[in-house]
Amino acid sequence: MLLAIFVLLVGIALGQRFNVLVLVPAVLTTLGVAVGLGIAFSQAPGTIILFTLAAIACLQIGYLLGLGIRQLIEARASRLRSASFAESSHARHPAH
């Protein structure tokens, strides 16, 4: 459970910063860590597979959440920039 939360947060961070190609090494790293932890804790192979799939799914869901957060931030910044530009254009007087 703790790994799933950690991987979700990593996915959110990756989604806010990088493009989709970063998921390839991230998924491979998650795969290795999840399988390694499953073997270290002497889990059954079926449990390791489910654990690994859940971790990879959490990574991808986190990435999508991170993308959504990035889009919201960029949209808000865009609105603020356009609003401040509109206010500054009213303050200037045209040259005669």
PDB file of N, CA and C in Angstrom:
ATOM      1  N   MET A   1       0.818  -1.190   0.000  1.00  0.00           N
ATOM      2  CA  MET A   1       0.000   0.000   0.000  1.00  0.00           C
ATOM      3  C   MET A   1       0.862   1.255   0.000  1.00  0.00           C
ATOM      4  N   LEU A   2       1.918   1.217   0.812  1.00  0.00           N
ATOM      5  CA  LEU A   2       2.815   2.362   0.885  1.00  0.00           C
ATOM      6  C   LEU A   2       3.525   2.571  -0.449  1.00  0.00           C
ATOM      7  N   LEU A   3       3.909   1.485  -1.100  1.00  0.00           N
ATOM      8  CA  LEU A   3       4.550   1.609  -2.412  1.00  0.00           C
ATOM      9  C   LEU A   3       3.585   2.207  -3.426  1.00  0.00           C
ATOM     10  N   ALA A   4       2.322   1.836  -3.372  1.00  0.00           N
ATOM     11  CA  ALA A   4       1.329   2.359  -4.313  1.00  0.00           C
ATOM     12  C   ALA A   4       1.170   3.868  -4.135  1.00  0.00           C
ATOM     13  N   ILE A   5       1.129   4.332  -2.916  1.00  0.00           N
ATOM     14  CA  ILE A   5       1.002   5.766  -2.651  1.00  0.00           C
ATOM     15  C   ILE A   5       2.254   6.499  -3.120  1.00  0.00           C
ATOM     16  N   PHE A   6       3.416   5.918  -2.826  1.00  0.00           N
ATOM     17  CA  PHE A   6       4.671   6.531  -3.256  1.00  0.00           C
ATOM     18  C   PHE A   6       4.754   6.614  -4.777  1.00  0.00           C
ATOM     19  N   VAL A   7       4.382   5.530  -5.451  1.00  0.00           N
ATOM     20  CA  VAL A   7       4.437   5.502  -6.912  1.00  0.00           C
ATOM     21  C   VAL A   7       3.413   6.475  -7.499  1.00  0.00           C
ATOM     22  N   LEU A   8       2.266   6.615  -6.875  1.00  0.00           N
ATOM     23  CA  LEU A   8       1.270   7.585  -7.326  1.00  0.00           C
ATOM     24  C   LEU A   8       1.834   9.008  -7.245  1.00  0.00           C
ATOM     25  N   LEU A   9       2.494   9.329  -6.152  1.00  0.00           N
ATOM     26  CA  LEU A   9       3.088  10.660  -5.996  1.00  0.00           C
ATOM     27  C   LEU A   9       4.225  10.889  -6.989  1.00  0.00           C
ATOM     28  N   VAL A  10       5.009   9.853  -7.248  1.00  0.00           N
ATOM     29  CA  VAL A  10       6.065   9.964  -8.261  1.00  0.00           C
ATOM     30  C   VAL A  10       5.444  10.216  -9.630  1.00  0.00           C
ATOM     31  N   GLY A  11       4.361   9.512  -9.934  1.00  0.00           N
ATOM     32  CA  GLY A  11       3.671   9.713 -11.205  1.00  0.00           C
ATOM     33  C   GLY A  11       3.141  11.127 -11.341  1.00  0.00           C
ATOM     34  N   ILE A  12       2.608  11.679 -10.271  1.00  0.00           N
ATOM     35  CA  ILE A  12       2.119  13.065 -10.298  1.00  0.00           C
ATOM     36  C   ILE A  12       3.267  14.023 -10.578  1.00  0.00           C
ATOM     37  N   ALA A  13       4.390  13.810  -9.914  1.00  0.00           N
ATOM     38  CA  ALA A  13       5.553  14.675 -10.136  1.00  0.00           C
ATOM     39  C   ALA A  13       6.054  14.562 -11.576  1.00  0.00           C
ATOM     40  N   LEU A  14       6.094  13.353 -12.113  1.00  0.00           N
ATOM     41  CA  LEU A  14       6.543  13.166 -13.498  1.00  0.00           C
ATOM     42  C   LEU A  14       5.572  13.812 -14.486  1.00  0.00           C
ATOM     43  N   GLY A  15       4.284  13.707 -14.213  1.00  0.00           N
ATOM     44  CA  GLY A  15       3.286  14.288 -15.099  1.00  0.00           C
ATOM     45  C   GLY A  15       3.335  15.800 -15.144  1.00  0.00           C
ATOM     46  N   GLN A  16       3.729  16.413 -14.047  1.00  0.00           N
ATOM     47  CA  GLN A  16       3.814  17.868 -14.012  1.00  0.00           C
ATOM     48  C   GLN A  16       5.051  18.382 -14.726  1.00  0.00           C
ATOM     49  N   ARG A  17       6.059  17.555 -14.856  1.00  0.00           N
ATOM     50  CA  ARG A  17       7.345  18.043 -15.344  1.00  0.00           C
ATOM     51  C   ARG A  17       7.740  17.530 -16.727  1.00  0.00           C
ATOM     52  N   PHE A  18       7.413  16.268 -17.052  1.00  0.00           N
ATOM     53  CA  PHE A  18       7.949  15.629 -18.250  1.00  0.00           C
ATOM     54  C   PHE A  18       6.854  15.197 -19.219  1.00  0.00           C
ATOM     55  N   ASN A  19       7.287  14.830 -20.441  1.00  0.00           N
ATOM     56  CA  ASN A  19       6.333  14.318 -21.420  1.00  0.00           C
ATOM     57  C   ASN A  19       6.160  12.808 -21.232  1.00  0.00           C
ATOM     58  N   VAL A  20       5.367  12.199 -22.073  1.00  0.00           N
ATOM     59  CA  VAL A  20       4.942  10.820 -21.883  1.00  0.00           C
ATOM     60  C   VAL A  20       6.091   9.814 -22.013  1.00  0.00           C
ATOM     61  N   LEU A  21       7.163  10.185 -22.688  1.00  0.00           N
ATOM     62  CA  LEU A  21       8.273   9.253 -22.868  1.00  0.00           C
ATOM     63  C   LEU A  21       8.988   8.910 -21.562  1.00  0.00           C
ATOM     64  N   VAL A  22       8.811   9.714 -20.550  1.00  0.00           N
ATOM     65  CA  VAL A  22       9.433   9.425 -19.267  1.00  0.00           C
ATOM     66  C   VAL A  22       8.785   8.203 -18.600  1.00  0.00           C
ATOM     67  N   LEU A  23       7.596   7.827 -19.069  1.00  0.00           N
ATOM     68  CA  LEU A  23       6.925   6.665 -18.477  1.00  0.00           C
ATOM     69  C   LEU A  23       7.638   5.353 -18.777  1.00  0.00           C
ATOM     70  N   VAL A  24       8.365   5.269 -19.878  1.00  0.00           N
ATOM     71  CA  VAL A  24       9.046   4.012 -20.221  1.00  0.00           C
ATOM     72  C   VAL A  24      10.084   3.644 -19.158  1.00  0.00           C
ATOM     73  N   PRO A  25      11.064   4.511 -18.854  1.00  0.00           N
ATOM     74  CA  PRO A  25      11.997   4.126 -17.789  1.00  0.00           C
ATOM     75  C   PRO A  25      11.336   4.068 -16.411  1.00  0.00           C
ATOM     76  N   ALA A  26      10.322   4.888 -16.200  1.00  0.00           N
ATOM     77  CA  ALA A  26       9.641   4.865 -14.903  1.00  0.00           C
ATOM     78  C   ALA A  26       8.913   3.538 -14.692  1.00  0.00           C
ATOM     79  N   VAL A  27       8.257   3.036 -15.742  1.00  0.00           N
ATOM     80  CA  VAL A  27       7.557   1.752 -15.629  1.00  0.00           C
ATOM     81  C   VAL A  27       8.558   0.623 -15.432  1.00  0.00           C
ATOM     82  N   LEU A  28       9.669   0.673 -16.153  1.00  0.00           N
ATOM     83  CA  LEU A  28      10.685  -0.375 -15.987  1.00  0.00           C
ATOM     84  C   LEU A  28      11.290  -0.353 -14.582  1.00  0.00           C
ATOM     85  N   THR A  29      11.532   0.830 -14.059  1.00  0.00           N
ATOM     86  CA  THR A  29      12.049   0.950 -12.698  1.00  0.00           C
ATOM     87  C   THR A  29      11.028   0.449 -11.682  1.00  0.00           C
ATOM     88  N   THR A  30       9.777   0.820 -11.873  1.00  0.00           N
ATOM     89  CA  THR A  30       8.711   0.362 -10.980  1.00  0.00           C
ATOM     90  C   THR A  30       8.575  -1.154 -11.029  1.00  0.00           C
ATOM     91  N   LEU A  31       8.687  -1.713 -12.226  1.00  0.00           N
ATOM     92  CA  LEU A  31       8.619  -3.160 -12.389  1.00  0.00           C
ATOM     93  C   LEU A  31       9.726  -3.836 -11.588  1.00  0.00           C
ATOM     94  N   GLY A  32      10.942  -3.341 -11.727  1.00  0.00           N
ATOM     95  CA  GLY A  32      12.064  -3.930 -10.998  1.00  0.00           C
ATOM     96  C   GLY A  32      11.931  -3.806  -9.493  1.00  0.00           C
ATOM     97  N   VAL A  33      11.507  -2.645  -9.035  1.00  0.00           N
ATOM     98  CA  VAL A  33      11.355  -2.426  -7.591  1.00  0.00           C
ATOM     99  C   VAL A  33      10.242  -3.304  -7.026  1.00  0.00           C
ATOM    100  N   ALA A  34       9.117  -3.364  -7.721  1.00  0.00           N
ATOM    101  CA  ALA A  34       7.986  -4.154  -7.217  1.00  0.00           C
ATOM    102  C   ALA A  34       8.321  -5.645  -7.192  1.00  0.00           C
ATOM    103  N   VAL A  35       8.955  -6.139  -8.241  1.00  0.00           N
ATOM    104  CA  VAL A  35       9.338  -7.562  -8.261  1.00  0.00           C
ATOM    105  C   VAL A  35      10.395  -7.827  -7.191  1.00  0.00           C
ATOM    106  N   GLY A  36      11.351  -6.913  -7.061  1.00  0.00           N
ATOM    107  CA  GLY A  36      12.385  -7.089  -6.032  1.00  0.00           C
ATOM    108  C   GLY A  36      11.819  -7.111  -4.625  1.00  0.00           C
ATOM    109  N   LEU A  37      10.875  -6.214  -4.352  1.00  0.00           N
ATOM    110  CA  LEU A  37      10.250  -6.207  -3.026  1.00  0.00           C
ATOM    111  C   LEU A  37       9.421  -7.466  -2.794  1.00  0.00           C
ATOM    112  N   GLY A  38       8.740  -7.929  -3.835  1.00  0.00           N
ATOM    113  CA  GLY A  38       7.961  -9.158  -3.701  1.00  0.00           C
ATOM    114  C   GLY A  38       8.830 -10.356  -3.399  1.00  0.00           C
ATOM    115  N   ILE A  39       9.979 -10.431  -4.064  1.00  0.00           N
ATOM    116  CA  ILE A  39      10.910 -11.532  -3.804  1.00  0.00           C
ATOM    117  C   ILE A  39      11.535 -11.386  -2.424  1.00  0.00           C
ATOM    118  N   ALA A  40      11.884 -10.163  -2.038  1.00  0.00           N
ATOM    119  CA  ALA A  40      12.501  -9.924  -0.734  1.00  0.00           C
ATOM    120  C   ALA A  40      11.572 -10.304   0.411  1.00  0.00           C
ATOM    121  N   PHE A  41      10.269 -10.108   0.223  1.00  0.00           N
ATOM    122  CA  PHE A  41       9.303 -10.451   1.258  1.00  0.00           C
ATOM    123  C   PHE A  41       8.701 -11.836   1.068  1.00  0.00           C
ATOM    124  N   SER A  42       9.296 -12.643   0.200  1.00  0.00           N
ATOM    125  CA  SER A  42       8.898 -14.043  -0.034  1.00  0.00           C
ATOM    126  C   SER A  42       7.419 -14.184  -0.371  1.00  0.00           C
ATOM    127  N   GLN A  43       6.949 -13.372  -1.297  1.00  0.00           N
ATOM    128  CA  GLN A  43       5.557 -13.440  -1.720  1.00  0.00           C
ATOM    129  C   GLN A  43       5.392 -14.513  -2.795  1.00  0.00           C
ATOM    130  N   ALA A  44       4.168 -14.984  -2.959  1.00  0.00           N
ATOM    131  CA  ALA A  44       3.860 -15.950  -4.012  1.00  0.00           C
ATOM    132  C   ALA A  44       3.934 -15.243  -5.369  1.00  0.00           C
ATOM    133  N   PRO A  45       4.236 -15.979  -6.443  1.00  0.00           N
ATOM    134  CA  PRO A  45       4.348 -15.348  -7.766  1.00  0.00           C
ATOM    135  C   PRO A  45       3.082 -14.600  -8.189  1.00  0.00           C
ATOM    136  N   GLY A  46       1.911 -15.124  -7.883  1.00  0.00           N
ATOM    137  CA  GLY A  46       0.669 -14.435  -8.223  1.00  0.00           C
ATOM    138  C   GLY A  46       0.538 -13.108  -7.496  1.00  0.00           C
ATOM    139  N   THR A  47       0.951 -13.100  -6.248  1.00  0.00           N
ATOM    140  CA  THR A  47       0.907 -11.867  -5.460  1.00  0.00           C
ATOM    141  C   THR A  47       1.889 -10.839  -6.015  1.00  0.00           C
ATOM    142  N   ILE A  48       3.063 -11.290  -6.419  1.00  0.00           N
ATOM    143  CA  ILE A  48       4.058 -10.381  -6.984  1.00  0.00           C
ATOM    144  C   ILE A  48       3.532  -9.758  -8.278  1.00  0.00           C
ATOM    145  N   ILE A  49       2.874 -10.555  -9.102  1.00  0.00           N
ATOM    146  CA  ILE A  49       2.325 -10.044 -10.360  1.00  0.00           C
ATOM    147  C   ILE A  49       1.248  -8.995 -10.090  1.00  0.00           C
ATOM    148  N   LEU A  50       0.334  -9.287  -9.176  1.00  0.00           N
ATOM    149  CA  LEU A  50      -0.720  -8.318  -8.842  1.00  0.00           C
ATOM    150  C   LEU A  50      -0.134  -7.048  -8.229  1.00  0.00           C
ATOM    151  N   PHE A  51       0.838  -7.222  -7.374  1.00  0.00           N
ATOM    152  CA  PHE A  51       1.509  -6.101  -6.730  1.00  0.00           C
ATOM    153  C   PHE A  51       2.188  -5.221  -7.776  1.00  0.00           C
ATOM    154  N   THR A  52       2.853  -5.841  -8.734  1.00  0.00           N
ATOM    155  CA  THR A  52       3.542  -5.111  -9.796  1.00  0.00           C
ATOM    156  C   THR A  52       2.558  -4.383 -10.701  1.00  0.00           C
ATOM    157  N   LEU A  53       1.489  -5.046 -11.084  1.00  0.00           N
ATOM    158  CA  LEU A  53       0.482  -4.407 -11.935  1.00  0.00           C
ATOM    159  C   LEU A  53      -0.184  -3.229 -11.227  1.00  0.00           C
ATOM    160  N   ALA A  54      -0.433  -3.375  -9.940  1.00  0.00           N
ATOM    161  CA  ALA A  54      -1.031  -2.276  -9.177  1.00  0.00           C
ATOM    162  C   ALA A  54      -0.076  -1.084  -9.102  1.00  0.00           C
ATOM    163  N   ALA A  55       1.210  -1.360  -8.908  1.00  0.00           N
ATOM    164  CA  ALA A  55       2.190  -0.273  -8.828  1.00  0.00           C
ATOM    165  C   ALA A  55       2.304   0.452 -10.165  1.00  0.00           C
ATOM    166  N   ILE A  56       2.324  -0.289 -11.267  1.00  0.00           N
ATOM    167  CA  ILE A  56       2.418   0.334 -12.594  1.00  0.00           C
ATOM    168  C   ILE A  56       1.146   1.130 -12.897  1.00  0.00           C
ATOM    169  N   ALA A  57       0.001   0.600 -12.507  1.00  0.00           N
ATOM    170  CA  ALA A  57      -1.255   1.329 -12.715  1.00  0.00           C
ATOM    171  C   ALA A  57      -1.271   2.617 -11.900  1.00  0.00           C
ATOM    172  N   CYS A  58      -0.779   2.568 -10.670  1.00  0.00           N
ATOM    173  CA  CYS A  58      -0.718   3.773  -9.841  1.00  0.00           C
ATOM    174  C   CYS A  58       0.228   4.802 -10.449  1.00  0.00           C
ATOM    175  N   LEU A  59       1.327   4.357 -11.035  1.00  0.00           N
ATOM    176  CA  LEU A  59       2.254   5.271 -11.691  1.00  0.00           C
ATOM    177  C   LEU A  59       1.565   5.989 -12.851  1.00  0.00           C
ATOM    178  N   GLN A  60       0.840   5.248 -13.662  1.00  0.00           N
ATOM    179  CA  GLN A  60       0.190   5.849 -14.818  1.00  0.00           C
ATOM    180  C   GLN A  60      -0.981   6.742 -14.417  1.00  0.00           C
ATOM    181  N   ILE A  61      -1.723   6.345 -13.411  1.00  0.00           N
ATOM    182  CA  ILE A  61      -2.815   7.198 -12.914  1.00  0.00           C
ATOM    183  C   ILE A  61      -2.240   8.488 -12.334  1.00  0.00           C
ATOM    184  N   GLY A  62      -1.155   8.365 -11.587  1.00  0.00           N
ATOM    185  CA  GLY A  62      -0.494   9.551 -11.047  1.00  0.00           C
ATOM    186  C   GLY A  62       0.016  10.463 -12.144  1.00  0.00           C
ATOM    187  N   TYR A  63       0.549   9.881 -13.223  1.00  0.00           N
ATOM    188  CA  TYR A  63       1.016  10.681 -14.350  1.00  0.00           C
ATOM    189  C   TYR A  63      -0.147  11.470 -14.957  1.00  0.00           C
ATOM    190  N   LEU A  64      -1.286  10.822 -15.126  1.00  0.00           N
ATOM    191  CA  LEU A  64      -2.460  11.514 -15.673  1.00  0.00           C
ATOM    192  C   LEU A  64      -2.937  12.626 -14.741  1.00  0.00           C
ATOM    193  N   LEU A  65      -2.912  12.370 -13.443  1.00  0.00           N
ATOM    194  CA  LEU A  65      -3.285  13.418 -12.481  1.00  0.00           C
ATOM    195  C   LEU A  65      -2.306  14.587 -12.556  1.00  0.00           C
ATOM    196  N   GLY A  66      -1.026  14.274 -12.694  1.00  0.00           N
ATOM    197  CA  GLY A  66      -0.017  15.319 -12.825  1.00  0.00           C
ATOM    198  C   GLY A  66      -0.217  16.159 -14.076  1.00  0.00           C
ATOM    199  N   LEU A  67      -0.590  15.507 -15.176  1.00  0.00           N
ATOM    200  CA  LEU A  67      -0.892  16.248 -16.402  1.00  0.00           C
ATOM    201  C   LEU A  67      -2.074  17.187 -16.192  1.00  0.00           C
ATOM    202  N   GLY A  68      -3.107  16.692 -15.516  1.00  0.00           N
ATOM    203  CA  GLY A  68      -4.274  17.524 -15.239  1.00  0.00           C
ATOM    204  C   GLY A  68      -3.926  18.724 -14.386  1.00  0.00           C
ATOM    205  N   ILE A  69      -3.098  18.509 -13.380  1.00  0.00           N
ATOM    206  CA  ILE A  69      -2.675  19.611 -12.519  1.00  0.00           C
ATOM    207  C   ILE A  69      -1.873  20.624 -13.317  1.00  0.00           C
ATOM    208  N   ARG A  70      -0.978  20.129 -14.184  1.00  0.00           N
ATOM    209  CA  ARG A  70      -0.178  21.037 -15.002  1.00  0.00           C
ATOM    210  C   ARG A  70      -1.064  21.861 -15.930  1.00  0.00           C
ATOM    211  N   GLN A  71      -2.074  21.237 -16.514  1.00  0.00           N
ATOM    212  CA  GLN A  71      -2.975  21.966 -17.405  1.00  0.00           C
ATOM    213  C   GLN A  71      -3.759  23.033 -16.650  1.00  0.00           C
ATOM    214  N   LEU A  72      -4.215  22.701 -15.443  1.00  0.00           N
ATOM    215  CA  LEU A  72      -4.940  23.692 -14.639  1.00  0.00           C
ATOM    216  C   LEU A  72      -4.051  24.874 -14.284  1.00  0.00           C
ATOM    217  N   ILE A  73      -2.812  24.590 -13.924  1.00  0.00           N
ATOM    218  CA  ILE A  73      -1.884  25.662 -13.564  1.00  0.00           C
ATOM    219  C   ILE A  73      -1.597  26.543 -14.770  1.00  0.00           C
ATOM    220  N   GLU A  74      -1.365  25.917 -15.926  1.00  0.00           N
ATOM    221  CA  GLU A  74      -1.069  26.704 -17.130  1.00  0.00           C
ATOM    222  C   GLU A  74      -2.283  27.523 -17.579  1.00  0.00           C
ATOM    223  N   ALA A  75      -3.480  26.960 -17.455  1.00  0.00           N
ATOM    224  CA  ALA A  75      -4.680  27.703 -17.832  1.00  0.00           C
ATOM    225  C   ALA A  75      -4.886  28.902 -16.917  1.00  0.00           C
ATOM    226  N   ARG A  76      -4.652  28.703 -15.631  1.00  0.00           N
ATOM    227  CA  ARG A  76      -4.811  29.800 -14.694  1.00  0.00           C
ATOM    228  C   ARG A  76      -3.770  30.890 -14.943  1.00  0.00           C
ATOM    229  N   ALA A  77      -2.543  30.488 -15.202  1.00  0.00           N
ATOM    230  CA  ALA A  77      -1.486  31.469 -15.481  1.00  0.00           C
ATOM    231  C   ALA A  77      -1.789  32.217 -16.776  1.00  0.00           C
ATOM    232  N   SER A  78      -2.338  31.531 -17.745  1.00  0.00           N
ATOM    233  CA  SER A  78      -2.693  32.167 -19.013  1.00  0.00           C
ATOM    234  C   SER A  78      -3.783  33.213 -18.807  1.00  0.00           C
ATOM    235  N   ARG A  79      -4.773  32.880 -17.987  1.00  0.00           N
ATOM    236  CA  ARG A  79      -5.839  33.844 -17.704  1.00  0.00           C
ATOM    237  C   ARG A  79      -5.298  35.050 -16.955  1.00  0.00           C
ATOM    238  N   LEU A  80      -4.389  34.816 -16.016  1.00  0.00           N
ATOM    239  CA  LEU A  80      -3.818  35.934 -15.265  1.00  0.00           C
ATOM    240  C   LEU A  80      -2.980  36.835 -16.167  1.00  0.00           C
ATOM    241  N   ARG A  81      -2.215  36.225 -17.093  1.00  0.00           N
ATOM    242  CA  ARG A  81      -1.414  37.023 -18.016  1.00  0.00           C
ATOM    243  C   ARG A  81      -2.294  37.844 -18.943  1.00  0.00           C
ATOM    244  N   SER A  82      -3.350  37.237 -19.448  1.00  0.00           N
ATOM    245  CA  SER A  82      -4.221  37.968 -20.367  1.00  0.00           C
ATOM    246  C   SER A  82      -4.980  39.072 -19.631  1.00  0.00           C
ATOM    247  N   ALA A  83      -5.344  38.826 -18.392  1.00  0.00           N
ATOM    248  CA  ALA A  83      -6.037  39.856 -17.614  1.00  0.00           C
ATOM    249  C   ALA A  83      -5.094  41.019 -17.306  1.00  0.00           C
ATOM    250  N   SER A  84      -3.860  40.725 -16.953  1.00  0.00           N
ATOM    251  CA  SER A  84      -2.926  41.809 -16.642  1.00  0.00           C
ATOM    252  C   SER A  84      -2.552  42.571 -17.905  1.00  0.00           C
ATOM    253  N   PHE A  85      -2.492  41.892 -19.052  1.00  0.00           N
ATOM    254  CA  PHE A  85      -2.214  42.575 -20.312  1.00  0.00           C
ATOM    255  C   PHE A  85      -3.370  43.496 -20.687  1.00  0.00           C
ATOM    256  N   ALA A  86      -4.591  43.054 -20.473  1.00  0.00           N
ATOM    257  CA  ALA A  86      -5.752  43.876 -20.795  1.00  0.00           C
ATOM    258  C   ALA A  86      -5.786  45.116 -19.909  1.00  0.00           C
ATOM    259  N   GLU A  87      -5.451  44.962 -18.633  1.00  0.00           N
ATOM    260  CA  GLU A  87      -5.441  46.106 -17.734  1.00  0.00           C
ATOM    261  C   GLU A  87      -4.341  47.091 -18.101  1.00  0.00           C
ATOM    262  N   SER A  88      -3.179  46.598 -18.502  1.00  0.00           N
ATOM    263  CA  SER A  88      -2.078  47.499 -18.826  1.00  0.00           C
ATOM    264  C   SER A  88      -2.329  48.230 -20.141  1.00  0.00           C
ATOM    265  N   SER A  89      -3.064  47.635 -21.072  1.00  0.00           N
ATOM    266  CA  SER A  89      -3.323  48.310 -22.334  1.00  0.00           C
ATOM    267  C   SER A  89      -4.314  49.460 -22.157  1.00  0.00           C
ATOM    268  N   HIS A  90      -5.183  49.394 -21.160  1.00  0.00           N
ATOM    269  CA  HIS A  90      -6.120  50.476 -20.899  1.00  0.00           C
ATOM    270  C   HIS A  90      -5.411  51.672 -20.228  1.00  0.00           C
ATOM    271  N   ALA A  91      -4.324  51.411 -19.563  1.00  0.00           N
ATOM    272  CA  ALA A  91      -3.640  52.464 -18.841  1.00  0.00           C
ATOM    273  C   ALA A  91      -2.844  53.369 -19.790  1.00  0.00           C
ATOM    274  N   ARG A  92      -2.503  52.881 -20.960  1.00  0.00           N
ATOM    275  CA  ARG A  92      -1.706  53.683 -21.888  1.00  0.00           C
ATOM    276  C   ARG A  92      -2.624  54.494 -22.811  1.00  0.00           C
ATOM    277  N   HIS A  93      -2.158  55.652 -23.181  1.00  0.00           N
ATOM    278  CA  HIS A  93      -2.889  56.507 -24.090  1.00  0.00           C
ATOM    279  C   HIS A  93      -2.225  56.436 -25.460  1.00  0.00           C
ATOM    280  N   PRO A  94      -3.005  56.402 -26.522  1.00  0.00           N
ATOM    281  CA  PRO A  94      -2.394  56.360 -27.844  1.00  0.00           C
ATOM    282  C   PRO A  94      -1.684  57.674 -28.173  1.00  0.00           C
ATOM    283  N   ALA A  95      -0.618  57.585 -28.932  1.00  0.00           N
ATOM    284  CA  ALA A  95       0.130  58.789 -29.341  1.00  0.00           C
ATOM    285  C   ALA A  95      -0.631  59.535 -30.422  1.00  0.00           C
ATOM    286  N   HIS A  96      -0.634  60.862 -30.372  1.00  0.00           N
ATOM    287  CA  HIS A  96      -1.343  61.676 -31.377  1.00  0.00           C
ATOM    288  C   HIS A  96      -0.420  62.139 -32.440  1.00  0.00           C
TER     289      HIS A  96
END
